[in-house]
């Protein structure tokens, strides 16, 4: 999954992070804001579109639940 995410366009990554936020999903490091805080990226820029692809991929890669990964796969196909 990480390879698919790393090769995705920025808009797709941003859309995935926003979907995760709307659904209040949490990866191994919590939700988006918890991830930013705990990973040392800071909360000053919460908008995913203002973050680098690497940060977006790092966040999305913290999701390990089968249902989350299925959602990501579906979104990568649809978008």
PDB file of N, CA and C in Angstrom:
ATOM      1  N   UNK A   1       0.825  -1.195   0.000  1.00  0.00           N
ATOM      2  CA  UNK A   1       0.000   0.000   0.000  1.00  0.00           C
ATOM      3  C   UNK A   1       0.868   1.258   0.000  1.00  0.00           C
ATOM      4  N   UNK A   2       1.954   1.217   0.758  1.00  0.00           N
ATOM      5  CA  UNK A   2       2.800   2.409   0.842  1.00  0.00           C
ATOM      6  C   UNK A   2       3.343   2.801  -0.531  1.00  0.00           C
ATOM      7  N   UNK A   3       3.675   1.809  -1.351  1.00  0.00           N
ATOM      8  CA  UNK A   3       4.173   2.093  -2.700  1.00  0.00           C
ATOM      9  C   UNK A   3       3.090   2.781  -3.535  1.00  0.00           C
ATOM     10  N   UNK A   4       1.854   2.303  -3.416  1.00  0.00           N
ATOM     11  CA  UNK A   4       0.747   2.921  -4.153  1.00  0.00           C
ATOM     12  C   UNK A   4       0.541   4.356  -3.697  1.00  0.00           C
ATOM     13  N   UNK A   5       0.628   4.568  -2.400  1.00  0.00           N
ATOM     14  CA  UNK A   5       0.457   5.921  -1.875  1.00  0.00           C
ATOM     15  C   UNK A   5       1.591   6.829  -2.337  1.00  0.00           C
ATOM     16  N   UNK A   6       2.805   6.316  -2.290  1.00  0.00           N
ATOM     17  CA  UNK A   6       3.971   7.124  -2.659  1.00  0.00           C
ATOM     18  C   UNK A   6       3.936   7.539  -4.125  1.00  0.00           C
ATOM     19  N   UNK A   7       3.281   6.747  -4.956  1.00  0.00           N
ATOM     20  CA  UNK A   7       3.228   7.077  -6.381  1.00  0.00           C
ATOM     21  C   UNK A   7       1.959   7.849  -6.759  1.00  0.00           C
ATOM     22  N   UNK A   8       1.100   8.097  -5.787  1.00  0.00           N
ATOM     23  CA  UNK A   8      -0.147   8.820  -6.059  1.00  0.00           C
ATOM     24  C   UNK A   8       0.116  10.321  -6.212  1.00  0.00           C
ATOM     25  N   UNK A   9      -0.754  10.972  -6.960  1.00  0.00           N
ATOM     26  CA  UNK A   9      -0.658  12.422  -7.123  1.00  0.00           C
ATOM     27  C   UNK A   9      -1.029  13.108  -5.811  1.00  0.00           C
ATOM     28  N   UNK A  10      -0.516  14.310  -5.639  1.00  0.00           N
ATOM     29  CA  UNK A  10      -0.759  15.050  -4.396  1.00  0.00           C
ATOM     30  C   UNK A  10      -2.251  15.234  -4.134  1.00  0.00           C
ATOM     31  N   UNK A  11      -3.022  15.563  -5.156  1.00  0.00           N
ATOM     32  CA  UNK A  11      -4.462  15.772  -4.969  1.00  0.00           C
ATOM     33  C   UNK A  11      -5.125  14.525  -4.391  1.00  0.00           C
ATOM     34  N   UNK A  12      -4.711  13.377  -4.854  1.00  0.00           N
ATOM     35  CA  UNK A  12      -5.263  12.114  -4.355  1.00  0.00           C
ATOM     36  C   UNK A  12      -4.909  11.935  -2.881  1.00  0.00           C
ATOM     37  N   UNK A  13      -3.668  12.211  -2.536  1.00  0.00           N
ATOM     38  CA  UNK A  13      -3.237  12.091  -1.141  1.00  0.00           C
ATOM     39  C   UNK A  13      -4.012  13.052  -0.248  1.00  0.00           C
ATOM     40  N   UNK A  14      -4.164  14.283  -0.704  1.00  0.00           N
ATOM     41  CA  UNK A  14      -4.911  15.289   0.060  1.00  0.00           C
ATOM     42  C   UNK A  14      -6.359  14.833   0.233  1.00  0.00           C
ATOM     43  N   UNK A  15      -6.964  14.346  -0.840  1.00  0.00           N
ATOM     44  CA  UNK A  15      -8.349  13.872  -0.759  1.00  0.00           C
ATOM     45  C   UNK A  15      -8.486  12.707   0.220  1.00  0.00           C
ATOM     46  N   UNK A  16      -7.508  11.822   0.234  1.00  0.00           N
ATOM     47  CA  UNK A  16      -7.540  10.699   1.178  1.00  0.00           C
ATOM     48  C   UNK A  16      -7.443  11.185   2.622  1.00  0.00           C
ATOM     49  N   UNK A  17      -6.543  12.120   2.875  1.00  0.00           N
ATOM     50  CA  UNK A  17      -6.403  12.650   4.238  1.00  0.00           C
ATOM     51  C   UNK A  17      -7.692  13.354   4.658  1.00  0.00           C
ATOM     52  N   UNK A  18      -8.281  14.111   3.761  1.00  0.00           N
ATOM     53  CA  UNK A  18      -9.536  14.800   4.088  1.00  0.00           C
ATOM     54  C   UNK A  18     -10.663  13.805   4.342  1.00  0.00           C
ATOM     55  N   UNK A  19     -10.688  12.720   3.586  1.00  0.00           N
ATOM     56  CA  UNK A  19     -11.684  11.673   3.815  1.00  0.00           C
ATOM     57  C   UNK A  19     -11.491  11.049   5.195  1.00  0.00           C
ATOM     58  N   UNK A  20     -10.250  10.778   5.529  1.00  0.00           N
ATOM     59  CA  UNK A  20      -9.923  10.222   6.845  1.00  0.00           C
ATOM     60  C   UNK A  20     -10.395  11.178   7.945  1.00  0.00           C
ATOM     61  N   UNK A  21     -10.167  12.468   7.747  1.00  0.00           N
ATOM     62  CA  UNK A  21     -10.600  13.458   8.734  1.00  0.00           C
ATOM     63  C   UNK A  21     -12.122  13.462   8.871  1.00  0.00           C
ATOM     64  N   UNK A  22     -12.821  13.464   7.750  1.00  0.00           N
ATOM     65  CA  UNK A  22     -14.293  13.486   7.796  1.00  0.00           C
ATOM     66  C   UNK A  22     -14.853  12.255   8.497  1.00  0.00           C
ATOM     67  N   UNK A  23     -14.221  11.125   8.274  1.00  0.00           N
ATOM     68  CA  UNK A  23     -14.693   9.874   8.882  1.00  0.00           C
ATOM     69  C   UNK A  23     -14.130   9.652  10.280  1.00  0.00           C
ATOM     70  N   UNK A  24     -13.292  10.572  10.713  1.00  0.00           N
ATOM     71  CA  UNK A  24     -12.658  10.494  12.039  1.00  0.00           C
ATOM     72  C   UNK A  24     -11.913   9.171  12.245  1.00  0.00           C
ATOM     73  N   UNK A  25     -11.232   8.738  11.195  1.00  0.00           N
ATOM     74  CA  UNK A  25     -10.443   7.514  11.283  1.00  0.00           C
ATOM     75  C   UNK A  25      -9.106   7.825  11.939  1.00  0.00           C
ATOM     76  N   UNK A  26      -8.542   6.820  12.571  1.00  0.00           N
ATOM     77  CA  UNK A  26      -7.254   6.991  13.236  1.00  0.00           C
ATOM     78  C   UNK A  26      -6.308   5.867  12.855  1.00  0.00           C
ATOM     79  N   UNK A  27      -5.085   6.258  12.543  1.00  0.00           N
ATOM     80  CA  UNK A  27      -4.035   5.282  12.285  1.00  0.00           C
ATOM     81  C   UNK A  27      -3.344   4.929  13.589  1.00  0.00           C
ATOM     82  N   UNK A  28      -2.182   4.342  13.479  1.00  0.00           N
ATOM     83  CA  UNK A  28      -1.443   3.937  14.677  1.00  0.00           C
ATOM     84  C   UNK A  28      -1.041   5.124  15.547  1.00  0.00           C
ATOM     85  N   UNK A  29      -0.916   6.305  14.949  1.00  0.00           N
ATOM     86  CA  UNK A  29      -0.531   7.508  15.696  1.00  0.00           C
ATOM     87  C   UNK A  29      -1.704   8.461  15.876  1.00  0.00           C
ATOM     88  N   UNK A  30      -2.920   7.941  15.812  1.00  0.00           N
ATOM     89  CA  UNK A  30      -4.099   8.771  15.990  1.00  0.00           C
ATOM     90  C   UNK A  30      -4.561   9.390  14.686  1.00  0.00           C
ATOM     91  N   UNK A  31      -5.389  10.428  14.817  1.00  0.00           N
ATOM     92  CA  UNK A  31      -5.896  11.143  13.656  1.00  0.00           C
ATOM     93  C   UNK A  31      -4.844  12.081  13.087  1.00  0.00           C
ATOM     94  N   UNK A  32      -5.247  12.866  12.109  1.00  0.00           N
ATOM     95  CA  UNK A  32      -4.337  13.766  11.398  1.00  0.00           C
ATOM     96  C   UNK A  32      -3.593  14.698  12.353  1.00  0.00           C
ATOM     97  N   UNK A  33      -4.326  15.395  13.202  1.00  0.00           N
ATOM     98  CA  UNK A  33      -3.678  16.366  14.097  1.00  0.00           C
ATOM     99  C   UNK A  33      -2.793  15.680  15.133  1.00  0.00           C
ATOM    100  N   UNK A  34      -3.236  14.542  15.623  1.00  0.00           N
ATOM    101  CA  UNK A  34      -2.404  13.798  16.575  1.00  0.00           C
ATOM    102  C   UNK A  34      -1.118  13.322  15.896  1.00  0.00           C
ATOM    103  N   UNK A  35      -1.258  12.882  14.661  1.00  0.00           N
ATOM    104  CA  UNK A  35      -0.084  12.443  13.902  1.00  0.00           C
ATOM    105  C   UNK A  35       0.908  13.591  13.742  1.00  0.00           C
ATOM    106  N   UNK A  36       0.407  14.750  13.332  1.00  0.00           N
ATOM    107  CA  UNK A  36       1.298  15.898  13.138  1.00  0.00           C
ATOM    108  C   UNK A  36       2.024  16.252  14.429  1.00  0.00           C
ATOM    109  N   UNK A  37       1.282  16.252  15.512  1.00  0.00           N
ATOM    110  CA  UNK A  37       1.856  16.619  16.804  1.00  0.00           C
ATOM    111  C   UNK A  37       2.870  15.581  17.289  1.00  0.00           C
ATOM    112  N   UNK A  38       2.488  14.320  17.241  1.00  0.00           N
ATOM    113  CA  UNK A  38       3.356  13.266  17.780  1.00  0.00           C
ATOM    114  C   UNK A  38       4.559  12.972  16.890  1.00  0.00           C
ATOM    115  N   UNK A  39       4.464  13.331  15.627  1.00  0.00           N
ATOM    116  CA  UNK A  39       5.562  13.050  14.697  1.00  0.00           C
ATOM    117  C   UNK A  39       6.513  14.223  14.541  1.00  0.00           C
ATOM    118  N   UNK A  40       6.247  15.293  15.266  1.00  0.00           N
ATOM    119  CA  UNK A  40       7.139  16.446  15.231  1.00  0.00           C
ATOM    120  C   UNK A  40       6.930  17.382  14.056  1.00  0.00           C
ATOM    121  N   UNK A  41       5.817  17.241  13.343  1.00  0.00           N
ATOM    122  CA  UNK A  41       5.550  18.119  12.205  1.00  0.00           C
ATOM    123  C   UNK A  41       4.876  19.421  12.627  1.00  0.00           C
ATOM    124  N   UNK A  42       4.367  19.467  13.838  1.00  0.00           N
ATOM    125  CA  UNK A  42       3.723  20.674  14.343  1.00  0.00           C
ATOM    126  C   UNK A  42       2.318  20.850  13.807  1.00  0.00           C
ATOM    127  N   UNK A  43       1.541  21.628  14.537  1.00  0.00           N
ATOM    128  CA  UNK A  43       0.136  21.832  14.188  1.00  0.00           C
ATOM    129  C   UNK A  43      -0.124  23.161  13.485  1.00  0.00           C
ATOM    130  N   UNK A  44       0.916  23.937  13.245  1.00  0.00           N
ATOM    131  CA  UNK A  44       0.703  25.268  12.675  1.00  0.00           C
ATOM    132  C   UNK A  44       0.077  25.210  11.285  1.00  0.00           C
ATOM    133  N   UNK A  45       0.320  24.127  10.568  1.00  0.00           N
ATOM    134  CA  UNK A  45      -0.272  23.950   9.238  1.00  0.00           C
ATOM    135  C   UNK A  45      -1.081  22.659   9.269  1.00  0.00           C
ATOM    136  N   UNK A  46      -2.379  22.796   9.514  1.00  0.00           N
ATOM    137  CA  UNK A  46      -3.235  21.620   9.596  1.00  0.00           C
ATOM    138  C   UNK A  46      -3.825  21.201   8.264  1.00  0.00           C
ATOM    139  N   UNK A  47      -3.804  22.113   7.297  1.00  0.00           N
ATOM    140  CA  UNK A  47      -4.377  21.842   5.982  1.00  0.00           C
ATOM    141  C   UNK A  47      -3.493  20.848   5.225  1.00  0.00           C
ATOM    142  N   UNK A  48      -4.030  19.670   4.901  1.00  0.00           N
ATOM    143  CA  UNK A  48      -3.216  18.667   4.203  1.00  0.00           C
ATOM    144  C   UNK A  48      -2.647  19.163   2.870  1.00  0.00           C
ATOM    145  N   UNK A  49      -3.351  20.064   2.212  1.00  0.00           N
ATOM    146  CA  UNK A  49      -2.866  20.540   0.912  1.00  0.00           C
ATOM    147  C   UNK A  49      -1.607  21.390   1.041  1.00  0.00           C
ATOM    148  N   UNK A  50      -1.314  21.837   2.254  1.00  0.00           N
ATOM    149  CA  UNK A  50      -0.126  22.647   2.498  1.00  0.00           C
ATOM    150  C   UNK A  50       1.055  21.817   3.002  1.00  0.00           C
ATOM    151  N   UNK A  51       0.856  20.519   3.089  1.00  0.00           N
ATOM    152  CA  UNK A  51       1.909  19.612   3.554  1.00  0.00           C
ATOM    153  C   UNK A  51       2.552  18.897   2.369  1.00  0.00           C
ATOM    154  N   UNK A  52       3.762  18.424   2.567  1.00  0.00           N
ATOM    155  CA  UNK A  52       4.464  17.714   1.497  1.00  0.00           C
ATOM    156  C   UNK A  52       3.849  16.332   1.280  1.00  0.00           C
ATOM    157  N   UNK A  53       4.094  15.801   0.105  1.00  0.00           N
ATOM    158  CA  UNK A  53       3.633  14.448  -0.203  1.00  0.00           C
ATOM    159  C   UNK A  53       4.177  13.452   0.819  1.00  0.00           C
ATOM    160  N   UNK A  54       5.423  13.649   1.224  1.00  0.00           N
ATOM    161  CA  UNK A  54       6.049  12.726   2.179  1.00  0.00           C
ATOM    162  C   UNK A  54       5.290  12.675   3.502  1.00  0.00           C
ATOM    163  N   UNK A  55       4.834  13.822   3.975  1.00  0.00           N
ATOM    164  CA  UNK A  55       4.082  13.867   5.236  1.00  0.00           C
ATOM    165  C   UNK A  55       2.735  13.167   5.058  1.00  0.00           C
ATOM    166  N   UNK A  56       2.078  13.424   3.937  1.00  0.00           N
ATOM    167  CA  UNK A  56       0.777  12.797   3.676  1.00  0.00           C
ATOM    168  C   UNK A  56       0.917  11.275   3.591  1.00  0.00           C
ATOM    169  N   UNK A  57       1.927  10.820   2.879  1.00  0.00           N
ATOM    170  CA  UNK A  57       2.162   9.376   2.756  1.00  0.00           C
ATOM    171  C   UNK A  57       2.511   8.777   4.117  1.00  0.00           C
ATOM    172  N   UNK A  58       3.329   9.478   4.885  1.00  0.00           N
ATOM    173  CA  UNK A  58       3.698   8.981   6.216  1.00  0.00           C
ATOM    174  C   UNK A  58       2.455   8.806   7.085  1.00  0.00           C
ATOM    175  N   UNK A  59       1.547   9.781   7.033  1.00  0.00           N
ATOM    176  CA  UNK A  59       0.314   9.678   7.818  1.00  0.00           C
ATOM    177  C   UNK A  59      -0.547   8.520   7.328  1.00  0.00           C
ATOM    178  N   UNK A  60      -0.787   8.464   6.041  1.00  0.00           N
ATOM    179  CA  UNK A  60      -1.657   7.422   5.500  1.00  0.00           C
ATOM    180  C   UNK A  60      -1.065   6.027   5.708  1.00  0.00           C
ATOM    181  N   UNK A  61       0.236   5.948   5.799  1.00  0.00           N
ATOM    182  CA  UNK A  61       0.897   4.656   6.018  1.00  0.00           C
ATOM    183  C   UNK A  61       0.738   4.146   7.449  1.00  0.00           C
ATOM    184  N   UNK A  62       0.225   4.981   8.342  1.00  0.00           N
ATOM    185  CA  UNK A  62       0.017   4.533   9.721  1.00  0.00           C
ATOM    186  C   UNK A  62      -1.268   3.713   9.863  1.00  0.00           C
ATOM    187  N   UNK A  63      -2.051   3.658   8.801  1.00  0.00           N
ATOM    188  CA  UNK A  63      -3.296   2.890   8.842  1.00  0.00           C
ATOM    189  C   UNK A  63      -3.003   1.443   8.483  1.00  0.00           C
ATOM    190  N   UNK A  64      -3.413   0.540   9.358  1.00  0.00           N
ATOM    191  CA  UNK A  64      -3.117  -0.885   9.175  1.00  0.00           C
ATOM    192  C   UNK A  64      -4.362  -1.764   9.164  1.00  0.00           C
ATOM    193  N   UNK A  65      -5.500  -1.222   9.619  1.00  0.00           N
ATOM    194  CA  UNK A  65      -6.720  -2.031   9.664  1.00  0.00           C
ATOM    195  C   UNK A  65      -7.155  -2.390   8.245  1.00  0.00           C
ATOM    196  N   UNK A  66      -7.615  -3.605   8.102  1.00  0.00           N
ATOM    197  CA  UNK A  66      -8.020  -4.110   6.795  1.00  0.00           C
ATOM    198  C   UNK A  66      -9.069  -3.212   6.144  1.00  0.00           C
ATOM    199  N   UNK A  67     -10.058  -2.779   6.910  1.00  0.00           N
ATOM    200  CA  UNK A  67     -11.128  -1.954   6.339  1.00  0.00           C
ATOM    201  C   UNK A  67     -10.621  -0.582   5.893  1.00  0.00           C
ATOM    202  N   UNK A  68      -9.650  -0.037   6.611  1.00  0.00           N
ATOM    203  CA  UNK A  68      -9.058   1.243   6.202  1.00  0.00           C
ATOM    204  C   UNK A  68      -8.290   1.077   4.893  1.00  0.00           C
ATOM    205  N   UNK A  69      -7.516   0.012   4.805  1.00  0.00           N
ATOM    206  CA  UNK A  69      -6.731  -0.238   3.596  1.00  0.00           C
ATOM    207  C   UNK A  69      -7.633  -0.513   2.399  1.00  0.00           C
ATOM    208  N   UNK A  70      -8.755  -1.181   2.637  1.00  0.00           N
ATOM    209  CA  UNK A  70      -9.712  -1.416   1.554  1.00  0.00           C
ATOM    210  C   UNK A  70     -10.293  -0.094   1.062  1.00  0.00           C
ATOM    211  N   UNK A  71     -10.596   0.799   1.989  1.00  0.00           N
ATOM    212  CA  UNK A  71     -11.109   2.118   1.621  1.00  0.00           C
ATOM    213  C   UNK A  71     -10.074   2.877   0.797  1.00  0.00           C
ATOM    214  N   UNK A  72      -8.827   2.847   1.231  1.00  0.00           N
ATOM    215  CA  UNK A  72      -7.763   3.535   0.495  1.00  0.00           C
ATOM    216  C   UNK A  72      -7.622   2.963  -0.912  1.00  0.00           C
ATOM    217  N   UNK A  73      -7.650   1.649  -1.012  1.00  0.00           N
ATOM    218  CA  UNK A  73      -7.526   1.005  -2.321  1.00  0.00           C
ATOM    219  C   UNK A  73      -8.671   1.433  -3.230  1.00  0.00           C
ATOM    220  N   UNK A  74      -9.868   1.436  -2.695  1.00  0.00           N
ATOM    221  CA  UNK A  74     -11.033   1.861  -3.468  1.00  0.00           C
ATOM    222  C   UNK A  74     -10.879   3.309  -3.923  1.00  0.00           C
ATOM    223  N   UNK A  75     -10.450   4.168  -3.022  1.00  0.00           N
ATOM    224  CA  UNK A  75     -10.293   5.578  -3.364  1.00  0.00           C
ATOM    225  C   UNK A  75      -9.187   5.783  -4.399  1.00  0.00           C
ATOM    226  N   UNK A  76      -8.133   5.009  -4.316  1.00  0.00           N
ATOM    227  CA  UNK A  76      -7.051   5.132  -5.295  1.00  0.00           C
ATOM    228  C   UNK A  76      -7.523   4.720  -6.686  1.00  0.00           C
ATOM    229  N   UNK A  77      -8.472   3.808  -6.742  1.00  0.00           N
ATOM    230  CA  UNK A  77      -9.025   3.376  -8.028  1.00  0.00           C
ATOM    231  C   UNK A  77      -9.994   4.424  -8.569  1.00  0.00           C
ATOM    232  N   UNK A  78     -10.833   4.959  -7.689  1.00  0.00           N
ATOM    233  CA  UNK A  78     -11.890   5.888  -8.095  1.00  0.00           C
ATOM    234  C   UNK A  78     -11.339   7.254  -8.479  1.00  0.00           C
ATOM    235  N   UNK A  79     -10.382   7.731  -7.712  1.00  0.00           N
ATOM    236  CA  UNK A  79      -9.884   9.103  -7.924  1.00  0.00           C
ATOM    237  C   UNK A  79      -8.964   9.154  -9.120  1.00  0.00           C
TER     238      UNK A  79
END
